[in-house]
Amino acid sequence: MPDKFHDEPADAESHVKFLARKIVETVKPSDVISRAVQLRQQGHEWRGASPFSGQDSLFISDEHRFYICTVTLKQGDVIRWTMEQGEQAYEEAVRYLATRFLGVRAPL
């Protein structure tokens, strides 16, 4: 597992921002959300039961890199999802996603 990308910054704050950008740009929301919610594809988007409302109101767009619950209007990217579902701080969510989906150890 690599410790760094070739263009990764050295200081901790820039490191977090760099990894967050890489995560949002490369990790498909459906890959993250499908670990917690059974999804079904509808055209180019995904749909499932929202953990926020308990209804079939969760929509995920891999193309636009976001999710939304149409009942509660909770929305965000894979980092926000991970923060809300795991009750994690921003840096913890970035560390988890970087390790799990980018294969990078994130010493934050």
PDB file of N, CA and C in Angstrom:
ATOM      1  N   MET A   1       0.851  -1.169   0.000  1.00  0.00           N
ATOM      2  CA  MET A   1       0.000   0.000   0.000  1.00  0.00           C
ATOM      3  C   MET A   1       0.899   1.235   0.000  1.00  0.00           C
ATOM      4  N   PRO A   2       0.746   2.145  -0.938  1.00  0.00           N
ATOM      5  CA  PRO A   2       1.623   3.301  -0.995  1.00  0.00           C
ATOM      6  C   PRO A   2       1.345   4.276   0.146  1.00  0.00           C
ATOM      7  N   ASP A   3       2.391   4.971   0.593  1.00  0.00           N
ATOM      8  CA  ASP A   3       2.229   5.985   1.618  1.00  0.00           C
ATOM      9  C   ASP A   3       1.823   7.319   1.002  1.00  0.00           C
ATOM     10  N   LYS A   4       2.209   7.552  -0.257  1.00  0.00           N
ATOM     11  CA  LYS A   4       1.981   8.852  -0.876  1.00  0.00           C
ATOM     12  C   LYS A   4       1.733   8.730  -2.363  1.00  0.00           C
ATOM     13  N   PHE A   5       1.086   9.747  -2.923  1.00  0.00           N
ATOM     14  CA  PHE A   5       1.013   9.933  -4.360  1.00  0.00           C
ATOM     15  C   PHE A   5       2.229  10.761  -4.745  1.00  0.00           C
ATOM     16  N   HIS A   6       2.626  10.742  -6.005  1.00  0.00           N
ATOM     17  CA  HIS A   6       3.818  11.473  -6.415  1.00  0.00           C
ATOM     18  C   HIS A   6       3.663  12.988  -6.278  1.00  0.00           C
ATOM     19  N   ASP A   7       2.452  13.525  -6.341  1.00  0.00           N
ATOM     20  CA  ASP A   7       2.250  14.973  -6.262  1.00  0.00           C
ATOM     21  C   ASP A   7       1.627  15.413  -4.939  1.00  0.00           C
ATOM     22  N   GLU A   8       1.756  14.597  -3.916  1.00  0.00           N
ATOM     23  CA  GLU A   8       1.140  14.848  -2.624  1.00  0.00           C
ATOM     24  C   GLU A   8       1.924  15.880  -1.819  1.00  0.00           C
ATOM     25  N   PRO A   9       1.245  16.858  -1.192  1.00  0.00           N
ATOM     26  CA  PRO A   9       1.934  17.866  -0.380  1.00  0.00           C
ATOM     27  C   PRO A   9       2.440  17.283   0.939  1.00  0.00           C
ATOM     28  N   ALA A  10       3.372  17.993   1.556  1.00  0.00           N
ATOM     29  CA  ALA A  10       4.015  17.493   2.770  1.00  0.00           C
ATOM     30  C   ALA A  10       3.284  17.885   4.051  1.00  0.00           C
ATOM     31  N   ASP A  11       2.747  19.119   4.161  1.00  0.00           N
ATOM     32  CA  ASP A  11       2.143  19.529   5.428  1.00  0.00           C
ATOM     33  C   ASP A  11       0.766  18.886   5.619  1.00  0.00           C
ATOM     34  N   ALA A  12       0.379  18.694   6.872  1.00  0.00           N
ATOM     35  CA  ALA A  12      -0.814  17.908   7.213  1.00  0.00           C
ATOM     36  C   ALA A  12      -2.109  18.495   6.659  1.00  0.00           C
ATOM     37  N   GLU A  13      -2.307  19.794   6.782  1.00  0.00           N
ATOM     38  CA  GLU A  13      -3.554  20.402   6.304  1.00  0.00           C
ATOM     39  C   GLU A  13      -3.688  20.274   4.789  1.00  0.00           C
ATOM     40  N   SER A  14      -2.619  20.544   4.071  1.00  0.00           N
ATOM     41  CA  SER A  14      -2.647  20.393   2.614  1.00  0.00           C
ATOM     42  C   SER A  14      -2.822  18.928   2.228  1.00  0.00           C
ATOM     43  N   HIS A  15      -2.241  18.045   3.019  1.00  0.00           N
ATOM     44  CA  HIS A  15      -2.357  16.597   2.784  1.00  0.00           C
ATOM     45  C   HIS A  15      -3.820  16.164   2.844  1.00  0.00           C
ATOM     46  N   VAL A  16      -4.550  16.632   3.859  1.00  0.00           N
ATOM     47  CA  VAL A  16      -5.966  16.292   4.013  1.00  0.00           C
ATOM     48  C   VAL A  16      -6.757  16.820   2.821  1.00  0.00           C
ATOM     49  N   LYS A  17      -6.524  18.071   2.445  1.00  0.00           N
ATOM     50  CA  LYS A  17      -7.232  18.669   1.309  1.00  0.00           C
ATOM     51  C   LYS A  17      -6.917  17.928   0.016  1.00  0.00           C
ATOM     52  N   PHE A  18      -5.666  17.568  -0.166  1.00  0.00           N
ATOM     53  CA  PHE A  18      -5.243  16.833  -1.360  1.00  0.00           C
ATOM     54  C   PHE A  18      -5.967  15.487  -1.450  1.00  0.00           C
ATOM     55  N   LEU A  19      -5.949  14.730  -0.337  1.00  0.00           N
ATOM     56  CA  LEU A  19      -6.615  13.420  -0.336  1.00  0.00           C
ATOM     57  C   LEU A  19      -8.118  13.561  -0.520  1.00  0.00           C
ATOM     58  N   ALA A  20      -8.710  14.568   0.104  1.00  0.00           N
ATOM     59  CA  ALA A  20     -10.149  14.789  -0.044  1.00  0.00           C
ATOM     60  C   ALA A  20     -10.499  15.046  -1.505  1.00  0.00           C
ATOM     61  N   ARG A  21      -9.718  15.858  -2.177  1.00  0.00           N
ATOM     62  CA  ARG A  21      -9.963  16.137  -3.597  1.00  0.00           C
ATOM     63  C   ARG A  21      -9.835  14.864  -4.433  1.00  0.00           C
ATOM     64  N   LYS A  22      -8.783  14.066  -4.165  1.00  0.00           N
ATOM     65  CA  LYS A  22      -8.596  12.804  -4.888  1.00  0.00           C
ATOM     66  C   LYS A  22      -9.783  11.863  -4.664  1.00  0.00           C
ATOM     67  N   ILE A  23     -10.255  11.805  -3.435  1.00  0.00           N
ATOM     68  CA  ILE A  23     -11.375  10.925  -3.092  1.00  0.00           C
ATOM     69  C   ILE A  23     -12.629  11.344  -3.855  1.00  0.00           C
ATOM     70  N   VAL A  24     -12.971  12.627  -3.767  1.00  0.00           N
ATOM     71  CA  VAL A  24     -14.192  13.111  -4.422  1.00  0.00           C
ATOM     72  C   VAL A  24     -14.103  12.946  -5.938  1.00  0.00           C
ATOM     73  N   GLU A  25     -12.922  13.124  -6.498  1.00  0.00           N
ATOM     74  CA  GLU A  25     -12.742  13.008  -7.948  1.00  0.00           C
ATOM     75  C   GLU A  25     -12.761  11.564  -8.446  1.00  0.00           C
ATOM     76  N   THR A  26     -12.348  10.607  -7.618  1.00  0.00           N
ATOM     77  CA  THR A  26     -12.156   9.249  -8.127  1.00  0.00           C
ATOM     78  C   THR A  26     -13.064   8.170  -7.530  1.00  0.00           C
ATOM     79  N   VAL A  27     -13.558   8.362  -6.329  1.00  0.00           N
ATOM     80  CA  VAL A  27     -14.369   7.332  -5.683  1.00  0.00           C
ATOM     81  C   VAL A  27     -15.842   7.553  -6.034  1.00  0.00           C
ATOM     82  N   LYS A  28     -16.459   6.534  -6.620  1.00  0.00           N
ATOM     83  CA  LYS A  28     -17.860   6.648  -7.003  1.00  0.00           C
ATOM     84  C   LYS A  28     -18.749   6.571  -5.756  1.00  0.00           C
ATOM     85  N   PRO A  29     -19.676   7.512  -5.610  1.00  0.00           N
ATOM     86  CA  PRO A  29     -20.576   7.459  -4.462  1.00  0.00           C
ATOM     87  C   PRO A  29     -21.323   6.130  -4.328  1.00  0.00           C
ATOM     88  N   SER A  30     -21.700   5.539  -5.444  1.00  0.00           N
ATOM     89  CA  SER A  30     -22.427   4.259  -5.372  1.00  0.00           C
ATOM     90  C   SER A  30     -21.568   3.165  -4.749  1.00  0.00           C
ATOM     91  N   ASP A  31     -20.251   3.212  -4.950  1.00  0.00           N
ATOM     92  CA  ASP A  31     -19.366   2.211  -4.351  1.00  0.00           C
ATOM     93  C   ASP A  31     -19.328   2.332  -2.829  1.00  0.00           C
ATOM     94  N   VAL A  32     -19.361   3.556  -2.336  1.00  0.00           N
ATOM     95  CA  VAL A  32     -19.327   3.791  -0.889  1.00  0.00           C
ATOM     96  C   VAL A  32     -20.696   3.502  -0.273  1.00  0.00           C
ATOM     97  N   ILE A  33     -21.736   4.068  -0.857  1.00  0.00           N
ATOM     98  CA  ILE A  33     -23.079   3.977  -0.284  1.00  0.00           C
ATOM     99  C   ILE A  33     -23.630   2.567  -0.358  1.00  0.00           C
ATOM    100  N   SER A  34     -23.256   1.816  -1.391  1.00  0.00           N
ATOM    101  CA  SER A  34     -23.768   0.439  -1.525  1.00  0.00           C
ATOM    102  C   SER A  34     -23.256  -0.484  -0.430  1.00  0.00           C
ATOM    103  N   ARG A  35     -22.281  -0.060   0.334  1.00  0.00           N
ATOM    104  CA  ARG A  35     -21.810  -0.855   1.474  1.00  0.00           C
ATOM    105  C   ARG A  35     -22.816  -0.817   2.626  1.00  0.00           C
ATOM    106  N   ALA A  36     -23.686   0.214   2.614  1.00  0.00           N
ATOM    107  CA  ALA A  36     -24.662   0.374   3.690  1.00  0.00           C
ATOM    108  C   ALA A  36     -26.113   0.267   3.218  1.00  0.00           C
ATOM    109  N   VAL A  37     -26.334   0.523   1.934  1.00  0.00           N
ATOM    110  CA  VAL A  37     -27.690   0.572   1.399  1.00  0.00           C
ATOM    111  C   VAL A  37     -27.748  -0.286   0.141  1.00  0.00           C
ATOM    112  N   GLN A  38     -28.793  -1.101   0.021  1.00  0.00           N
ATOM    113  CA  GLN A  38     -28.983  -1.868  -1.211  1.00  0.00           C
ATOM    114  C   GLN A  38     -29.477  -0.910  -2.281  1.00  0.00           C
ATOM    115  N   LEU A  39     -28.711  -0.802  -3.365  1.00  0.00           N
ATOM    116  CA  LEU A  39     -29.031   0.134  -4.442  1.00  0.00           C
ATOM    117  C   LEU A  39     -29.500  -0.607  -5.679  1.00  0.00           C
ATOM    118  N   ARG A  40     -30.316   0.072  -6.459  1.00  0.00           N
ATOM    119  CA  ARG A  40     -30.694  -0.437  -7.772  1.00  0.00           C
ATOM    120  C   ARG A  40     -30.471   0.686  -8.776  1.00  0.00           C
ATOM    121  N   GLN A  41     -30.005   0.304  -9.927  1.00  0.00           N
ATOM    122  CA  GLN A  41     -29.676   1.288 -10.944  1.00  0.00           C
ATOM    123  C   GLN A  41     -30.927   1.727 -11.693  1.00  0.00           C
ATOM    124  N   GLN A  42     -31.019   3.035 -11.925  1.00  0.00           N
ATOM    125  CA  GLN A  42     -32.097   3.614 -12.730  1.00  0.00           C
ATOM    126  C   GLN A  42     -31.439   4.549 -13.735  1.00  0.00           C
ATOM    127  N   GLY A  43     -31.270   4.065 -14.941  1.00  0.00           N
ATOM    128  CA  GLY A  43     -30.563   4.858 -15.951  1.00  0.00           C
ATOM    129  C   GLY A  43     -29.113   5.034 -15.546  1.00  0.00           C
ATOM    130  N   HIS A  44     -28.672   6.278 -15.445  1.00  0.00           N
ATOM    131  CA  HIS A  44     -27.290   6.570 -15.046  1.00  0.00           C
ATOM    132  C   HIS A  44     -27.155   6.796 -13.546  1.00  0.00           C
ATOM    133  N   GLU A  45     -28.262   6.732 -12.822  1.00  0.00           N
ATOM    134  CA  GLU A  45     -28.243   7.002 -11.388  1.00  0.00           C
ATOM    135  C   GLU A  45     -28.607   5.745 -10.602  1.00  0.00           C
ATOM    136  N   TRP A  46     -28.494   5.860  -9.281  1.00  0.00           N
ATOM    137  CA  TRP A  46     -28.813   4.771  -8.374  1.00  0.00           C
ATOM    138  C   TRP A  46     -29.877   5.239  -7.398  1.00  0.00           C
ATOM    139  N   ARG A  47     -30.633   4.277  -6.866  1.00  0.00           N
ATOM    140  CA  ARG A  47     -31.697   4.605  -5.925  1.00  0.00           C
ATOM    141  C   ARG A  47     -31.740   3.551  -4.839  1.00  0.00           C
ATOM    142  N   GLY A  48     -32.152   3.974  -3.638  1.00  0.00           N
ATOM    143  CA  GLY A  48     -32.275   3.035  -2.538  1.00  0.00           C
ATOM    144  C   GLY A  48     -33.038   3.629  -1.380  1.00  0.00           C
ATOM    145  N   ALA A  49     -33.220   2.823  -0.338  1.00  0.00           N
ATOM    146  CA  ALA A  49     -33.900   3.276   0.871  1.00  0.00           C
ATOM    147  C   ALA A  49     -32.969   4.196   1.652  1.00  0.00           C
ATOM    148  N   SER A  50     -33.459   5.356   1.967  1.00  0.00           N
ATOM    149  CA  SER A  50     -32.640   6.339   2.676  1.00  0.00           C
ATOM    150  C   SER A  50     -32.537   6.011   4.160  1.00  0.00           C
ATOM    151  N   PRO A  51     -31.319   6.004   4.715  1.00  0.00           N
ATOM    152  CA  PRO A  51     -31.183   5.818   6.154  1.00  0.00           C
ATOM    153  C   PRO A  51     -31.652   7.052   6.930  1.00  0.00           C
ATOM    154  N   PHE A  52     -31.838   8.160   6.234  1.00  0.00           N
ATOM    155  CA  PHE A  52     -32.272   9.406   6.871  1.00  0.00           C
ATOM    156  C   PHE A  52     -33.792   9.446   7.054  1.00  0.00           C
ATOM    157  N   SER A  53     -34.533   8.873   6.093  1.00  0.00           N
ATOM    158  CA  SER A  53     -35.995   8.948   6.148  1.00  0.00           C
ATOM    159  C   SER A  53     -36.666   7.583   6.276  1.00  0.00           C
ATOM    160  N   GLY A  54     -35.938   6.499   5.964  1.00  0.00           N
ATOM    161  CA  GLY A  54     -36.526   5.169   5.975  1.00  0.00           C
ATOM    162  C   GLY A  54     -37.408   4.896   4.759  1.00  0.00           C
ATOM    163  N   GLN A  55     -37.401   5.833   3.814  1.00  0.00           N
ATOM    164  CA  GLN A  55     -38.210   5.689   2.609  1.00  0.00           C
ATOM    165  C   GLN A  55     -37.318   5.461   1.393  1.00  0.00           C
ATOM    166  N   ASP A  56     -37.933   5.075   0.300  1.00  0.00           N
ATOM    167  CA  ASP A  56     -37.201   4.851  -0.948  1.00  0.00           C
ATOM    168  C   ASP A  56     -36.936   6.213  -1.607  1.00  0.00           C
ATOM    169  N   SER A  57     -36.062   6.988  -0.980  1.00  0.00           N
ATOM    170  CA  SER A  57     -35.884   8.375  -1.397  1.00  0.00           C
ATOM    171  C   SER A  57     -34.425   8.787  -1.553  1.00  0.00           C
ATOM    172  N   LEU A  58     -33.521   7.820  -1.586  1.00  0.00           N
ATOM    173  CA  LEU A  58     -32.102   8.140  -1.716  1.00  0.00           C
ATOM    174  C   LEU A  58     -31.696   7.993  -3.179  1.00  0.00           C
ATOM    175  N   PHE A  59     -31.174   9.065  -3.750  1.00  0.00           N
ATOM    176  CA  PHE A  59     -30.693   9.066  -5.131  1.00  0.00           C
ATOM    177  C   PHE A  59     -29.204   9.354  -5.136  1.00  0.00           C
ATOM    178  N   ILE A  60     -28.469   8.623  -5.958  1.00  0.00           N
ATOM    179  CA  ILE A  60     -27.019   8.758  -6.048  1.00  0.00           C
ATOM    180  C   ILE A  60     -26.638   8.971  -7.499  1.00  0.00           C
ATOM    181  N   SER A  61     -25.800   9.967  -7.736  1.00  0.00           N
ATOM    182  CA  SER A  61     -25.290  10.220  -9.076  1.00  0.00           C
ATOM    183  C   SER A  61     -23.769  10.081  -9.054  1.00  0.00           C
ATOM    184  N   ASP A  62     -23.264   9.034  -9.699  1.00  0.00           N
ATOM    185  CA  ASP A  62     -21.813   8.882  -9.818  1.00  0.00           C
ATOM    186  C   ASP A  62     -21.237   9.952 -10.743  1.00  0.00           C
ATOM    187  N   GLU A  63     -21.989  10.303 -11.764  1.00  0.00           N
ATOM    188  CA  GLU A  63     -21.529  11.307 -12.714  1.00  0.00           C
ATOM    189  C   GLU A  63     -21.314  12.662 -12.049  1.00  0.00           C
ATOM    190  N   HIS A  64     -22.241  13.053 -11.181  1.00  0.00           N
ATOM    191  CA  HIS A  64     -22.154  14.356 -10.518  1.00  0.00           C
ATOM    192  C   HIS A  64     -21.544  14.266  -9.116  1.00  0.00           C
ATOM    193  N   ARG A  65     -21.206  13.042  -8.691  1.00  0.00           N
ATOM    194  CA  ARG A  65     -20.493  12.794  -7.440  1.00  0.00           C
ATOM    195  C   ARG A  65     -21.236  13.230  -6.178  1.00  0.00           C
ATOM    196  N   PHE A  66     -22.553  12.928  -6.107  1.00  0.00           N
ATOM    197  CA  PHE A  66     -23.289  13.294  -4.907  1.00  0.00           C
ATOM    198  C   PHE A  66     -24.452  12.336  -4.660  1.00  0.00           C
ATOM    199  N   TYR A  67     -25.024  12.459  -3.456  1.00  0.00           N
ATOM    200  CA  TYR A  67     -26.243  11.747  -3.085  1.00  0.00           C
ATOM    201  C   TYR A  67     -27.221  12.779  -2.535  1.00  0.00           C
ATOM    202  N   ILE A  68     -28.520  12.428  -2.560  1.00  0.00           N
ATOM    203  CA  ILE A  68     -29.534  13.271  -1.931  1.00  0.00           C
ATOM    204  C   ILE A  68     -30.691  12.396  -1.477  1.00  0.00           C
ATOM    205  N   CYS A  69     -31.204  12.698  -0.299  1.00  0.00           N
ATOM    206  CA  CYS A  69     -32.454  12.104   0.180  1.00  0.00           C
ATOM    207  C   CYS A  69     -33.533  13.126  -0.149  1.00  0.00           C
ATOM    208  N   THR A  70     -34.486  12.738  -0.982  1.00  0.00           N
ATOM    209  CA  THR A  70     -35.493  13.696  -1.426  1.00  0.00           C
ATOM    210  C   THR A  70     -36.545  13.997  -0.359  1.00  0.00           C
ATOM    211  N   VAL A  71     -36.539  13.278   0.744  1.00  0.00           N
ATOM    212  CA  VAL A  71     -37.465  13.566   1.842  1.00  0.00           C
ATOM    213  C   VAL A  71     -36.829  14.544   2.833  1.00  0.00           C
ATOM    214  N   THR A  72     -35.630  14.237   3.300  1.00  0.00           N
ATOM    215  CA  THR A  72     -34.972  15.083   4.307  1.00  0.00           C
ATOM    216  C   THR A  72     -34.104  16.178   3.678  1.00  0.00           C
ATOM    217  N   LEU A  73     -33.804  16.028   2.394  1.00  0.00           N
ATOM    218  CA  LEU A  73     -32.922  16.927   1.641  1.00  0.00           C
ATOM    219  C   LEU A  73     -31.470  16.880   2.115  1.00  0.00           C
ATOM    220  N   LYS A  74     -31.111  15.833   2.868  1.00  0.00           N
ATOM    221  CA  LYS A  74     -29.699  15.638   3.202  1.00  0.00           C
ATOM    222  C   LYS A  74     -28.977  15.247   1.927  1.00  0.00           C
ATOM    223  N   GLN A  75     -27.819  15.866   1.714  1.00  0.00           N
ATOM    224  CA  GLN A  75     -27.081  15.608   0.488  1.00  0.00           C
ATOM    225  C   GLN A  75     -25.597  15.838   0.730  1.00  0.00           C
ATOM    226  N   GLY A  76     -24.790  15.350  -0.203  1.00  0.00           N
ATOM    227  CA  GLY A  76     -23.358  15.566  -0.089  1.00  0.00           C
ATOM    228  C   GLY A  76     -22.577  14.624  -0.972  1.00  0.00           C
ATOM    229  N   ASP A  77     -21.276  14.587  -0.700  1.00  0.00           N
ATOM    230  CA  ASP A  77     -20.365  13.721  -1.442  1.00  0.00           C
ATOM    231  C   ASP A  77     -19.996  12.521  -0.577  1.00  0.00           C
ATOM    232  N   VAL A  78     -19.048  11.719  -1.028  1.00  0.00           N
ATOM    233  CA  VAL A  78     -18.693  10.502  -0.285  1.00  0.00           C
ATOM    234  C   VAL A  78     -18.093  10.813   1.087  1.00  0.00           C
ATOM    235  N   ILE A  79     -17.436  11.945   1.214  1.00  0.00           N
ATOM    236  CA  ILE A  79     -16.870  12.308   2.517  1.00  0.00           C
ATOM    237  C   ILE A  79     -17.989  12.644   3.489  1.00  0.00           C
ATOM    238  N   ARG A  80     -18.948  13.451   3.057  1.00  0.00           N
ATOM    239  CA  ARG A  80     -20.094  13.796   3.915  1.00  0.00           C
ATOM    240  C   ARG A  80     -20.863  12.533   4.298  1.00  0.00           C
ATOM    241  N   TRP A  81     -21.079  11.619   3.359  1.00  0.00           N
ATOM    242  CA  TRP A  81     -21.778  10.361   3.647  1.00  0.00           C
ATOM    243  C   TRP A  81     -21.050   9.592   4.748  1.00  0.00           C
ATOM    244  N   THR A  82     -19.754   9.458   4.591  1.00  0.00           N
ATOM    245  CA  THR A  82     -18.951   8.710   5.554  1.00  0.00           C
ATOM    246  C   THR A  82     -18.991   9.381   6.921  1.00  0.00           C
ATOM    247  N   MET A  83     -18.946  10.703   6.950  1.00  0.00           N
ATOM    248  CA  MET A  83     -19.030  11.429   8.213  1.00  0.00           C
ATOM    249  C   MET A  83     -20.372  11.174   8.896  1.00  0.00           C
ATOM    250  N   GLU A  84     -21.452  11.253   8.153  1.00  0.00           N
ATOM    251  CA  GLU A  84     -22.787  11.088   8.738  1.00  0.00           C
ATOM    252  C   GLU A  84     -23.068   9.644   9.143  1.00  0.00           C
ATOM    253  N   GLN A  85     -22.666   8.702   8.314  1.00  0.00           N
ATOM    254  CA  GLN A  85     -22.965   7.301   8.611  1.00  0.00           C
ATOM    255  C   GLN A  85     -22.069   6.735   9.701  1.00  0.00           C
ATOM    256  N   GLY A  86     -20.826   7.188   9.748  1.00  0.00           N
ATOM    257  CA  GLY A  86     -19.897   6.659  10.743  1.00  0.00           C
ATOM    258  C   GLY A  86     -19.702   7.564  11.936  1.00  0.00           C
ATOM    259  N   GLU A  87     -20.441   8.690  11.949  1.00  0.00           N
ATOM    260  CA  GLU A  87     -20.287   9.689  13.006  1.00  0.00           C
ATOM    261  C   GLU A  87     -18.817  10.012  13.207  1.00  0.00           C
ATOM    262  N   GLN A  88     -18.160  10.357  12.096  1.00  0.00           N
ATOM    263  CA  GLN A  88     -16.733  10.648  12.103  1.00  0.00           C
ATOM    264  C   GLN A  88     -16.479  12.114  11.790  1.00  0.00           C
ATOM    265  N   ALA A  89     -15.362  12.614  12.276  1.00  0.00           N
ATOM    266  CA  ALA A  89     -14.909  13.948  11.905  1.00  0.00           C
ATOM    267  C   ALA A  89     -14.404  13.911  10.459  1.00  0.00           C
ATOM    268  N   TYR A  90     -14.273  15.069   9.860  1.00  0.00           N
ATOM    269  CA  TYR A  90     -13.838  15.183   8.465  1.00  0.00           C
ATOM    270  C   TYR A  90     -12.530  14.435   8.212  1.00  0.00           C
ATOM    271  N   GLU A  91     -11.528  14.683   9.033  1.00  0.00           N
ATOM    272  CA  GLU A  91     -10.220  14.052   8.838  1.00  0.00           C
ATOM    273  C   GLU A  91     -10.291  12.533   8.964  1.00  0.00           C
ATOM    274  N   GLU A  92     -11.114  12.042   9.896  1.00  0.00           N
ATOM    275  CA  GLU A  92     -11.276  10.591  10.053  1.00  0.00           C
ATOM    276  C   GLU A  92     -11.940   9.977   8.825  1.00  0.00           C
ATOM    277  N   ALA A  93     -12.937  10.672   8.286  1.00  0.00           N
ATOM    278  CA  ALA A  93     -13.621  10.180   7.088  1.00  0.00           C
ATOM    279  C   ALA A  93     -12.664  10.144   5.901  1.00  0.00           C
ATOM    280  N   VAL A  94     -11.840  11.182   5.754  1.00  0.00           N
ATOM    281  CA  VAL A  94     -10.849  11.219   4.674  1.00  0.00           C
ATOM    282  C   VAL A  94      -9.859  10.072   4.840  1.00  0.00           C
ATOM    283  N   ARG A  95      -9.385   9.851   6.051  1.00  0.00           N
ATOM    284  CA  ARG A  95      -8.436   8.766   6.313  1.00  0.00           C
ATOM    285  C   ARG A  95      -9.045   7.408   5.950  1.00  0.00           C
ATOM    286  N   TYR A  96     -10.274   7.164   6.381  1.00  0.00           N
ATOM    287  CA  TYR A  96     -10.955   5.903   6.087  1.00  0.00           C
ATOM    288  C   TYR A  96     -11.090   5.698   4.580  1.00  0.00           C
ATOM    289  N   LEU A  97     -11.611   6.698   3.881  1.00  0.00           N
ATOM    290  CA  LEU A  97     -11.842   6.574   2.439  1.00  0.00           C
ATOM    291  C   LEU A  97     -10.538   6.434   1.666  1.00  0.00           C
ATOM    292  N   ALA A  98      -9.509   7.165   2.071  1.00  0.00           N
ATOM    293  CA  ALA A  98      -8.209   7.071   1.393  1.00  0.00           C
ATOM    294  C   ALA A  98      -7.636   5.668   1.530  1.00  0.00           C
ATOM    295  N   THR A  99      -7.742   5.112   2.712  1.00  0.00           N
ATOM    296  CA  THR A  99      -7.223   3.767   2.953  1.00  0.00           C
ATOM    297  C   THR A  99      -8.063   2.720   2.220  1.00  0.00           C
ATOM    298  N   ARG A 100      -9.369   2.825   2.357  1.00  0.00           N
ATOM    299  CA  ARG A 100     -10.270   1.806   1.817  1.00  0.00           C
ATOM    300  C   ARG A 100     -10.397   1.837   0.283  1.00  0.00           C
ATOM    301  N   PHE A 101     -10.466   3.040  -0.286  1.00  0.00           N
ATOM    302  CA  PHE A 101     -10.772   3.145  -1.710  1.00  0.00           C
ATOM    303  C   PHE A 101      -9.602   3.595  -2.588  1.00  0.00           C
ATOM    304  N   LEU A 102      -8.622   4.265  -2.003  1.00  0.00           N
ATOM    305  CA  LEU A 102      -7.446   4.688  -2.797  1.00  0.00           C
ATOM    306  C   LEU A 102      -6.236   3.807  -2.517  1.00  0.00           C
ATOM    307  N   GLY A 103      -6.305   3.018  -1.449  1.00  0.00           N
ATOM    308  CA  GLY A 103      -5.180   2.167  -1.100  1.00  0.00           C
ATOM    309  C   GLY A 103      -3.993   2.940  -0.571  1.00  0.00           C
ATOM    310  N   VAL A 104      -4.261   4.070   0.066  1.00  0.00           N
ATOM    311  CA  VAL A 104      -3.197   4.938   0.587  1.00  0.00           C
ATOM    312  C   VAL A 104      -3.327   5.029   2.096  1.00  0.00           C
ATOM    313  N   ARG A 105      -2.242   4.821   2.794  1.00  0.00           N
ATOM    314  CA  ARG A 105      -2.219   5.058   4.235  1.00  0.00           C
ATOM    315  C   ARG A 105      -2.200   6.561   4.430  1.00  0.00           C
ATOM    316  N   ALA A 106      -3.122   7.041   5.218  1.00  0.00           N
ATOM    317  CA  ALA A 106      -3.249   8.489   5.415  1.00  0.00           C
ATOM    318  C   ALA A 106      -2.911   8.844   6.856  1.00  0.00           C
ATOM    319  N   PRO A 107      -1.672   9.204   7.118  1.00  0.00           N
ATOM    320  CA  PRO A 107      -1.273   9.577   8.481  1.00  0.00           C
ATOM    321  C   PRO A 107      -1.705  10.999   8.789  1.00  0.00           C
ATOM    322  N   LEU A 108      -2.933  11.147   9.279  1.00  0.00           N
ATOM    323  CA  LEU A 108      -3.472  12.492   9.526  1.00  0.00           C
ATOM    324  C   LEU A 108      -3.391  12.851  10.986  1.00  0.00           C
TER     325      LEU A 108
END
